[in-house]
Amino acid sequence: AALNLSQLASWLFDNQFPLAPRVVNELINKDKPASPIVLARQRMFDVLFSGDHTKQICGPAEFPPERLIHQTLLVDSGIWSDHEGRWSLQAPISGAAVDVVPVWSSIAELLSDGVAKTFAEVLDALAAPPLGVRAGLAGIWAAIYLLVNRGTCAVFERGTLVLELTAEHLQRMYKTPNQFEL
């Protein structure tokens, strides 16, 4: 049977990027997310860095863009765990609705050789086959990896050790990924 152009593109993508997580969300699944998504990402990280593990990303009846990021990238992957009103971040769960275990494993492997990598190099590695993760997603998952593994991952900004990673560091990391080493 003949394939139409869309089917052919899907077939090629599936063969080139077999480990790509399936994220059906056009707002965040981009190399350069739109300004409202960038702001939503920042607000989400403000909550994550607040230190208050009872503070929610948004209320149950609210539907801001950060809910979309939170649900799709953190909850659906198993990275976000909520137990009796207290949340925590953890490694993703294999077989979750959005399976990012291959992404997580690739980040771990990239950072395990003891040679510093720029944030840009990590994003480039995640964009390459067999993962094919766009920068909008890769940047969030890489930052979450750093948060979950903060005891074993060091971050340097222009050669200076970042003692405590903050939401402001992430803003700069997204804007100038070559100036941050992991």
Protein backbone atom coordinates (compact mmCIF):
# COMPACT_ATOMS: atom_id res chain seq x y z
CA ALA A 1 0.00 0.00 0.00
CA ALA A 2 1.20 3.46 -0.85
CA LEU A 3 1.98 5.87 1.98
CA ASN A 4 0.82 9.47 1.89
CA LEU A 5 3.30 12.19 2.78
CA SER A 6 2.24 12.37 6.45
CA GLN A 7 2.50 8.60 6.88
CA LEU A 8 5.92 8.60 5.22
CA ALA A 9 7.14 11.38 7.52
CA SER A 10 5.87 9.45 10.57
CA TRP A 11 7.55 6.27 9.38
CA LEU A 12 10.86 8.09 8.80
CA PHE A 13 10.68 9.79 12.19
CA ASP A 14 9.86 6.51 13.98
CA ASN A 15 12.86 4.85 12.34
CA GLN A 16 15.26 7.75 12.94
CA PHE A 17 14.13 8.49 16.52
CA PRO A 18 12.82 5.23 18.02
CA LEU A 19 13.38 6.39 21.63
CA ALA A 20 11.63 9.75 21.27
CA PRO A 21 9.07 10.29 24.03
CA ARG A 22 5.54 10.80 22.68
CA VAL A 23 4.49 14.30 23.71
CA VAL A 24 1.32 15.38 21.96
CA ASN A 25 1.45 19.03 22.84
CA GLU A 26 2.30 21.61 20.21
CA LEU A 27 2.71 24.46 22.70
CA ILE A 28 5.76 23.01 24.46
CA ASN A 29 7.07 20.47 21.93
CA LYS A 30 9.13 23.08 20.05
CA ASP A 31 12.73 24.14 19.81
CA LYS A 32 11.75 27.71 20.71
CA PRO A 33 8.55 27.79 22.79
CA ALA A 34 6.30 30.85 22.56
CA SER A 35 6.58 33.60 25.17
CA PRO A 36 3.53 32.47 27.22
CA ILE A 37 5.07 28.98 27.52
CA VAL A 38 8.45 30.42 28.53
CA LEU A 39 6.69 32.45 31.23
CA ALA A 40 4.70 29.39 32.33
CA ARG A 41 7.92 27.35 32.52
CA GLN A 42 9.44 30.07 34.70
CA ARG A 43 6.42 30.15 37.03
CA MET A 44 6.55 26.35 37.33
CA PHE A 45 10.25 26.45 38.26
CA ASP A 46 9.54 29.24 40.77
CA VAL A 47 7.25 26.78 42.59
CA LEU A 48 9.78 23.95 42.30
CA PHE A 49 12.57 26.10 43.73
CA SER A 50 10.39 27.64 46.46
CA GLY A 51 11.22 24.83 48.90
CA ASP A 52 7.53 24.59 49.87
CA HIS A 53 6.54 21.03 49.00
CA THR A 54 2.87 21.77 49.67
CA LYS A 55 2.68 24.67 47.20
CA GLN A 56 0.88 23.61 44.02
CA ILE A 57 1.76 24.62 40.46
CA CYS A 58 -1.81 25.88 40.08
CA GLY A 59 -5.19 25.39 41.73
CA PRO A 60 -7.45 22.47 40.80
CA ALA A 61 -9.89 24.75 38.93
CA GLU A 62 -7.16 26.81 37.21
CA PHE A 63 -5.92 26.04 33.73
CA PRO A 64 -2.88 28.25 33.03
CA PRO A 65 -0.17 27.11 30.59
CA GLU A 66 2.02 25.86 33.47
CA ARG A 67 -0.63 23.21 34.21
CA LEU A 68 -0.04 21.92 30.69
CA ILE A 69 3.73 21.69 31.24
CA HIS A 70 3.34 20.22 34.72
CA GLN A 71 0.82 17.57 33.67
CA THR A 72 2.45 16.55 30.40
CA LEU A 73 6.14 16.63 31.34
CA LEU A 74 6.16 15.88 35.06
CA VAL A 75 2.99 14.06 36.13
CA ASP A 76 2.51 11.94 32.97
CA SER A 77 6.18 10.87 33.13
CA GLY A 78 6.09 9.91 36.81
CA ILE A 79 8.67 12.57 37.70
CA TRP A 80 6.14 14.40 39.90
CA SER A 81 4.95 12.45 42.89
CA ASP A 82 2.18 13.74 45.15
CA HIS A 83 1.50 12.05 48.48
CA GLU A 84 -1.05 13.50 50.90
CA GLY A 85 -0.61 17.05 49.61
CA ARG A 86 3.21 17.01 49.58
CA TRP A 87 4.97 16.74 46.26
CA SER A 88 8.44 15.52 45.37
CA LEU A 89 10.48 15.03 42.23
CA GLN A 90 11.99 11.68 41.30
CA ALA A 91 13.42 9.79 38.35
CA PRO A 92 10.78 9.04 35.71
CA ILE A 93 8.80 5.81 35.74
CA SER A 94 9.31 3.28 32.97
CA GLY A 95 6.16 2.69 30.98
CA ALA A 96 4.54 5.97 32.10
CA ALA A 97 2.13 7.73 29.72
CA VAL A 98 5.07 9.93 28.64
CA ASP A 99 8.06 7.58 28.88
CA VAL A 100 11.17 9.70 29.37
CA VAL A 101 13.36 7.01 30.90
CA PRO A 102 15.56 6.92 27.75
CA VAL A 103 15.98 10.72 27.98
CA TRP A 104 16.85 10.51 31.67
CA SER A 105 19.31 7.67 31.04
CA SER A 106 20.97 9.63 28.24
CA ILE A 107 21.44 12.66 30.49
CA ALA A 108 22.90 10.42 33.20
CA GLU A 109 25.27 8.80 30.71
CA LEU A 110 26.34 12.16 29.26
CA LEU A 111 27.19 13.52 32.70
CA SER A 112 28.77 10.37 34.11
CA ASP A 113 32.17 10.51 32.39
CA GLY A 114 33.48 13.33 34.58
CA VAL A 115 34.02 15.68 31.63
CA ALA A 116 32.00 18.89 31.86
CA LYS A 117 29.37 19.41 29.16
CA THR A 118 27.71 22.68 28.36
CA PHE A 119 23.96 22.85 28.70
CA ALA A 120 23.92 23.39 24.91
CA GLU A 121 25.82 20.12 24.38
CA VAL A 122 23.30 18.26 26.54
CA LEU A 123 20.40 19.72 24.54
CA ASP A 124 22.15 18.84 21.26
CA ALA A 125 22.74 15.26 22.42
CA LEU A 126 19.09 14.86 23.36
CA ALA A 127 18.03 16.25 19.95
CA ALA A 128 20.16 13.71 18.08
CA PRO A 129 19.03 10.19 17.13
CA PRO A 130 17.75 7.99 18.65
CA LEU A 131 15.95 10.49 20.94
CA GLY A 132 15.05 13.51 18.81
CA VAL A 133 13.86 15.62 21.75
CA ARG A 134 13.21 19.25 20.91
CA ALA A 135 14.89 21.94 23.01
CA GLY A 136 11.66 23.06 24.70
CA LEU A 137 11.20 19.63 26.24
CA ALA A 138 14.87 18.74 26.64
CA GLY A 139 15.59 21.92 28.59
CA ILE A 140 12.88 21.19 31.12
CA TRP A 141 13.80 17.53 31.57
CA ALA A 142 17.53 18.37 31.85
CA ALA A 143 16.78 21.02 34.50
CA ILE A 144 14.57 18.57 36.42
CA TYR A 145 17.37 15.98 36.20
CA LEU A 146 19.70 18.53 37.83
CA LEU A 147 17.16 19.19 40.58
CA VAL A 148 16.59 15.51 41.33
CA ASN A 149 20.34 14.81 41.26
CA ARG A 150 21.53 18.05 42.86
CA GLY A 151 23.71 16.10 45.31
CA THR A 152 25.78 14.56 42.51
CA CYS A 153 25.63 17.17 39.70
CA ALA A 154 27.62 20.39 39.72
CA VAL A 155 26.63 23.42 37.65
CA PHE A 156 29.11 26.10 36.58
CA GLU A 157 28.18 29.48 35.13
CA ARG A 158 31.06 30.97 33.13
CA GLY A 159 33.48 28.81 35.11
CA THR A 160 32.12 29.67 38.56
CA LEU A 161 30.48 26.97 40.67
CA VAL A 162 26.78 27.58 41.25
CA LEU A 163 26.33 26.60 44.90
CA GLU A 164 22.54 26.54 44.76
CA LEU A 165 20.71 26.38 41.46
CA THR A 166 17.82 28.87 41.30
CA ALA A 167 15.05 29.72 38.87
CA GLU A 168 17.10 32.77 37.84
CA HIS A 169 20.02 30.52 36.91
CA LEU A 170 17.68 28.47 34.74
CA GLN A 171 16.45 31.61 32.97
CA ARG A 172 20.04 32.47 32.08
CA MET A 173 20.80 28.83 31.24
CA TYR A 174 17.98 28.76 28.69
CA LYS A 175 19.11 32.09 27.17
CA THR A 176 22.85 31.33 27.06
CA PRO A 177 23.27 27.53 27.24
CA ASN A 178 26.94 27.68 26.20
CA GLN A 179 27.83 29.61 29.37
CA PHE A 180 26.72 26.81 31.71
CA GLU A 181 28.64 23.58 32.26
CA LEU A 182 27.28 20.51 33.99
